[in-house]
N, C-alpha and C. Protein backbone atom coordinates (compact mmCIF):
# COMPACT_ATOMS: atom_id res chain seq x y z
N MET A 1 81.07 43.83 105.56
CA MET A 1 82.17 44.36 106.33
C MET A 1 83.49 43.98 105.67
N LEU A 2 84.45 44.84 105.78
CA LEU A 2 85.79 44.59 105.26
C LEU A 2 86.46 43.47 106.05
N GLU A 3 87.04 42.53 105.35
CA GLU A 3 87.84 41.49 105.98
C GLU A 3 89.31 41.81 105.72
N VAL A 4 90.18 41.29 106.56
CA VAL A 4 91.62 41.53 106.42
C VAL A 4 92.34 40.21 106.58
N SER A 5 93.19 39.87 105.62
CA SER A 5 93.91 38.60 105.69
C SER A 5 95.01 38.67 106.75
N PRO A 6 95.37 37.51 107.29
CA PRO A 6 96.48 37.49 108.26
C PRO A 6 97.78 38.04 107.67
N LYS A 7 98.01 37.81 106.38
CA LYS A 7 99.21 38.31 105.71
C LYS A 7 99.22 39.84 105.68
N ALA A 8 98.06 40.45 105.42
CA ALA A 8 97.96 41.92 105.41
C ALA A 8 98.18 42.46 106.81
N VAL A 9 97.63 41.79 107.82
CA VAL A 9 97.83 42.23 109.20
C VAL A 9 99.31 42.20 109.55
N SER A 10 100.01 41.15 109.18
CA SER A 10 101.44 41.05 109.46
C SER A 10 102.22 42.19 108.82
N LEU A 11 101.91 42.49 107.57
CA LEU A 11 102.58 43.58 106.87
C LEU A 11 102.30 44.93 107.54
N LEU A 12 101.06 45.16 107.92
CA LEU A 12 100.69 46.43 108.55
C LEU A 12 101.26 46.55 109.96
N LYS A 13 101.35 45.45 110.69
CA LYS A 13 101.98 45.48 112.01
C LYS A 13 103.46 45.83 111.89
N ALA A 14 104.11 45.30 110.86
CA ALA A 14 105.52 45.62 110.63
C ALA A 14 105.69 47.10 110.29
N ALA A 15 104.78 47.65 109.49
CA ALA A 15 104.84 49.07 109.13
C ALA A 15 104.62 49.93 110.37
N ARG A 16 103.67 49.54 111.21
CA ARG A 16 103.40 50.27 112.45
C ARG A 16 104.64 50.27 113.34
N SER A 17 105.25 49.13 113.48
CA SER A 17 106.45 48.99 114.30
C SER A 17 107.60 49.83 113.74
N ALA A 18 107.76 49.83 112.42
CA ALA A 18 108.84 50.59 111.78
C ALA A 18 108.68 52.09 112.02
N GLN A 19 107.45 52.54 112.21
CA GLN A 19 107.19 53.95 112.49
C GLN A 19 107.35 54.29 113.97
N GLY A 20 107.59 53.28 114.79
CA GLY A 20 107.75 53.52 116.21
C GLY A 20 106.45 53.79 116.94
N ALA A 21 105.35 53.40 116.35
CA ALA A 21 104.03 53.63 116.96
C ALA A 21 103.81 52.65 118.10
N PRO A 22 102.96 53.02 119.06
CA PRO A 22 102.66 52.10 120.17
C PRO A 22 101.94 50.84 119.68
N GLU A 23 102.09 49.77 120.45
CA GLU A 23 101.48 48.48 120.10
C GLU A 23 99.96 48.55 119.94
N ASP A 24 99.31 49.47 120.66
CA ASP A 24 97.85 49.55 120.57
C ASP A 24 97.37 50.48 119.46
N ALA A 25 98.30 51.08 118.71
CA ALA A 25 97.90 51.92 117.58
C ALA A 25 97.29 51.05 116.49
N GLY A 26 96.37 51.63 115.74
CA GLY A 26 95.71 50.91 114.67
C GLY A 26 96.06 51.48 113.31
N ILE A 27 95.37 51.00 112.31
CA ILE A 27 95.56 51.46 110.94
C ILE A 27 94.28 52.14 110.48
N ARG A 28 94.40 53.37 110.03
CA ARG A 28 93.24 54.09 109.50
C ARG A 28 93.26 53.99 107.98
N ILE A 29 92.12 53.60 107.42
CA ILE A 29 91.95 53.52 105.97
C ILE A 29 91.08 54.71 105.58
N ARG A 30 91.63 55.56 104.71
CA ARG A 30 90.95 56.82 104.36
C ARG A 30 90.98 57.05 102.86
N ARG A 31 90.08 57.93 102.43
CA ARG A 31 90.06 58.31 101.02
C ARG A 31 91.25 59.21 100.70
N VAL A 32 91.72 59.10 99.47
CA VAL A 32 92.80 59.95 98.99
C VAL A 32 92.31 60.60 97.70
N THR A 33 92.57 61.87 97.55
CA THR A 33 92.16 62.59 96.35
C THR A 33 93.08 62.22 95.19
N THR A 34 92.47 61.94 94.04
CA THR A 34 93.24 61.63 92.84
C THR A 34 92.75 62.49 91.69
N ALA A 35 93.56 62.59 90.68
CA ALA A 35 93.19 63.36 89.50
C ALA A 35 92.70 62.43 88.38
N SER A 36 92.50 61.15 88.70
CA SER A 36 92.18 60.18 87.66
C SER A 36 90.71 60.11 87.28
N GLY A 37 89.84 60.73 88.03
CA GLY A 37 88.43 60.70 87.66
C GLY A 37 87.52 60.34 88.80
N ARG A 38 86.22 60.49 88.56
CA ARG A 38 85.22 60.28 89.61
C ARG A 38 84.92 58.81 89.89
N ASP A 39 85.16 57.93 88.94
CA ASP A 39 84.82 56.52 89.13
C ASP A 39 85.89 55.75 89.90
N THR A 40 86.97 56.41 90.23
CA THR A 40 88.06 55.76 90.92
C THR A 40 88.06 56.15 92.40
N ILE A 41 88.18 55.16 93.24
CA ILE A 41 88.32 55.42 94.68
C ILE A 41 89.74 55.05 95.05
N ALA A 42 90.48 56.01 95.55
CA ALA A 42 91.84 55.74 96.02
C ALA A 42 91.83 55.78 97.53
N VAL A 43 92.58 54.88 98.14
CA VAL A 43 92.64 54.84 99.59
C VAL A 43 94.07 55.00 100.06
N GLY A 44 94.19 55.50 101.28
CA GLY A 44 95.49 55.62 101.92
C GLY A 44 95.43 54.92 103.27
N PHE A 45 96.59 54.57 103.76
CA PHE A 45 96.71 53.91 105.05
C PHE A 45 97.60 54.77 105.93
N GLU A 46 97.20 54.93 107.19
CA GLU A 46 98.03 55.66 108.13
C GLU A 46 97.91 55.04 109.51
N VAL A 47 98.99 55.09 110.25
CA VAL A 47 98.97 54.61 111.63
C VAL A 47 98.25 55.65 112.46
N SER A 48 97.35 55.20 113.31
CA SER A 48 96.55 56.11 114.12
C SER A 48 96.31 55.50 115.50
N VAL A 49 96.38 56.32 116.52
CA VAL A 49 96.15 55.79 117.88
C VAL A 49 94.67 55.68 118.21
N ALA A 50 93.81 56.35 117.44
CA ALA A 50 92.37 56.32 117.71
C ALA A 50 91.61 56.63 116.42
N PRO A 51 90.37 56.16 116.33
CA PRO A 51 89.56 56.50 115.15
C PRO A 51 89.17 57.97 115.16
N GLN A 52 88.90 58.49 113.98
CA GLN A 52 88.35 59.83 113.89
C GLN A 52 86.84 59.73 113.98
N SER A 53 86.20 60.83 114.26
CA SER A 53 84.75 60.86 114.39
C SER A 53 84.10 60.29 113.13
N GLY A 54 83.21 59.32 113.31
CA GLY A 54 82.50 58.71 112.19
C GLY A 54 83.17 57.48 111.61
N ASP A 55 84.40 57.19 112.00
CA ASP A 55 85.09 56.01 111.48
C ASP A 55 84.42 54.74 111.99
N ASP A 56 84.46 53.70 111.18
CA ASP A 56 84.03 52.37 111.58
C ASP A 56 85.26 51.67 112.16
N ALA A 57 85.20 51.25 113.41
CA ALA A 57 86.35 50.63 114.07
C ALA A 57 86.10 49.14 114.30
N PHE A 58 87.12 48.33 114.03
CA PHE A 58 87.04 46.90 114.29
C PHE A 58 88.45 46.36 114.47
N GLU A 59 88.54 45.12 114.89
CA GLU A 59 89.84 44.48 115.13
C GLU A 59 89.90 43.17 114.35
N ARG A 60 91.06 42.93 113.75
CA ARG A 60 91.29 41.68 113.02
C ARG A 60 92.69 41.17 113.36
N HIS A 61 92.76 39.95 113.82
CA HIS A 61 94.04 39.29 114.08
C HIS A 61 94.96 40.13 114.96
N GLY A 62 94.39 40.80 115.97
CA GLY A 62 95.18 41.56 116.91
C GLY A 62 95.57 42.96 116.47
N LEU A 63 94.99 43.47 115.39
CA LEU A 63 95.28 44.82 114.91
C LEU A 63 93.97 45.58 114.75
N ARG A 64 93.95 46.81 115.27
CA ARG A 64 92.75 47.64 115.15
C ARG A 64 92.75 48.36 113.80
N PHE A 65 91.55 48.48 113.22
CA PHE A 65 91.36 49.20 111.96
C PHE A 65 90.30 50.27 112.15
N PHE A 66 90.52 51.41 111.52
CA PHE A 66 89.58 52.52 111.53
C PHE A 66 89.32 52.88 110.06
N VAL A 67 88.09 52.66 109.61
CA VAL A 67 87.74 52.92 108.20
C VAL A 67 86.92 54.19 108.12
N GLU A 68 87.38 55.12 107.31
CA GLU A 68 86.64 56.36 107.09
C GLU A 68 85.21 56.02 106.66
N ASN A 69 84.25 56.71 107.22
CA ASN A 69 82.84 56.41 106.99
C ASN A 69 82.50 56.32 105.49
N ALA A 70 83.06 57.20 104.67
CA ALA A 70 82.76 57.21 103.24
C ALA A 70 83.25 55.95 102.52
N LEU A 71 84.14 55.18 103.15
CA LEU A 71 84.68 53.97 102.52
C LEU A 71 84.02 52.69 103.02
N VAL A 72 83.20 52.77 104.06
CA VAL A 72 82.60 51.57 104.64
C VAL A 72 81.78 50.83 103.59
N LYS A 73 80.90 51.49 102.89
CA LYS A 73 80.06 50.82 101.90
C LYS A 73 80.86 50.32 100.69
N PRO A 74 81.75 51.14 100.09
CA PRO A 74 82.52 50.63 98.94
C PRO A 74 83.42 49.43 99.28
N LEU A 75 83.87 49.34 100.53
CA LEU A 75 84.77 48.24 100.91
C LEU A 75 84.03 47.04 101.51
N ASP A 76 82.72 47.16 101.69
CA ASP A 76 81.92 46.07 102.25
C ASP A 76 82.04 44.83 101.36
N GLY A 77 82.34 43.70 101.97
CA GLY A 77 82.45 42.45 101.23
C GLY A 77 83.81 42.22 100.60
N ARG A 78 84.70 43.16 100.74
CA ARG A 78 86.05 43.03 100.18
C ARG A 78 87.00 42.48 101.24
N THR A 79 88.17 42.02 100.78
CA THR A 79 89.22 41.55 101.68
C THR A 79 90.50 42.30 101.37
N LEU A 80 91.09 42.89 102.40
CA LEU A 80 92.40 43.51 102.28
C LEU A 80 93.43 42.41 102.38
N ASP A 81 94.28 42.30 101.35
CA ASP A 81 95.23 41.20 101.26
C ASP A 81 96.57 41.74 100.77
N VAL A 82 97.52 40.85 100.60
CA VAL A 82 98.84 41.22 100.11
C VAL A 82 99.09 40.50 98.80
N SER A 83 99.58 41.27 97.83
CA SER A 83 99.99 40.72 96.55
C SER A 83 101.50 40.88 96.45
N ASP A 84 102.17 39.83 96.06
CA ASP A 84 103.62 39.93 95.93
C ASP A 84 103.97 40.67 94.65
N GLY A 85 104.37 41.94 94.81
CA GLY A 85 104.76 42.76 93.66
C GLY A 85 106.17 42.41 93.20
N ASP A 86 106.62 43.08 92.15
CA ASP A 86 107.95 42.81 91.61
C ASP A 86 109.06 43.14 92.62
N ASP A 87 108.94 44.29 93.26
CA ASP A 87 109.99 44.72 94.17
C ASP A 87 109.65 44.49 95.63
N MET A 88 108.36 44.61 95.96
CA MET A 88 107.95 44.46 97.35
C MET A 88 106.47 44.10 97.40
N PRO A 89 106.02 43.61 98.54
CA PRO A 89 104.60 43.27 98.67
C PRO A 89 103.73 44.53 98.58
N GLU A 90 102.51 44.36 98.06
CA GLU A 90 101.55 45.46 97.94
C GLU A 90 100.25 45.07 98.59
N LEU A 91 99.60 46.04 99.25
CA LEU A 91 98.27 45.82 99.80
C LEU A 91 97.26 45.96 98.66
N VAL A 92 96.32 45.03 98.59
CA VAL A 92 95.30 45.04 97.55
C VAL A 92 93.94 44.70 98.16
N PHE A 93 92.89 45.19 97.55
CA PHE A 93 91.53 44.82 97.93
C PHE A 93 91.04 43.79 96.92
N ARG A 94 90.57 42.67 97.43
CA ARG A 94 90.05 41.62 96.53
C ARG A 94 88.54 41.56 96.70
């Protein structure tokens, strides 16, 4: 199962708040289409009030997450964390 660090939860809660979403809204993790090739999995994050059909739903540190079914297996055993980038923090999977 995907784990989420407290630092990542704090960053995502701030993003949710900045969008004016309700406190009970969660974060949906979904696949994103890329032109870089078949071996690359790109993910996107969006604020969502409910999971979509087939999503894996769970809660970490007071924030709900909805993971697109196709990403459940590739993200199993990983941790969503924050890396301090040059200009701003970035979400990363470790």
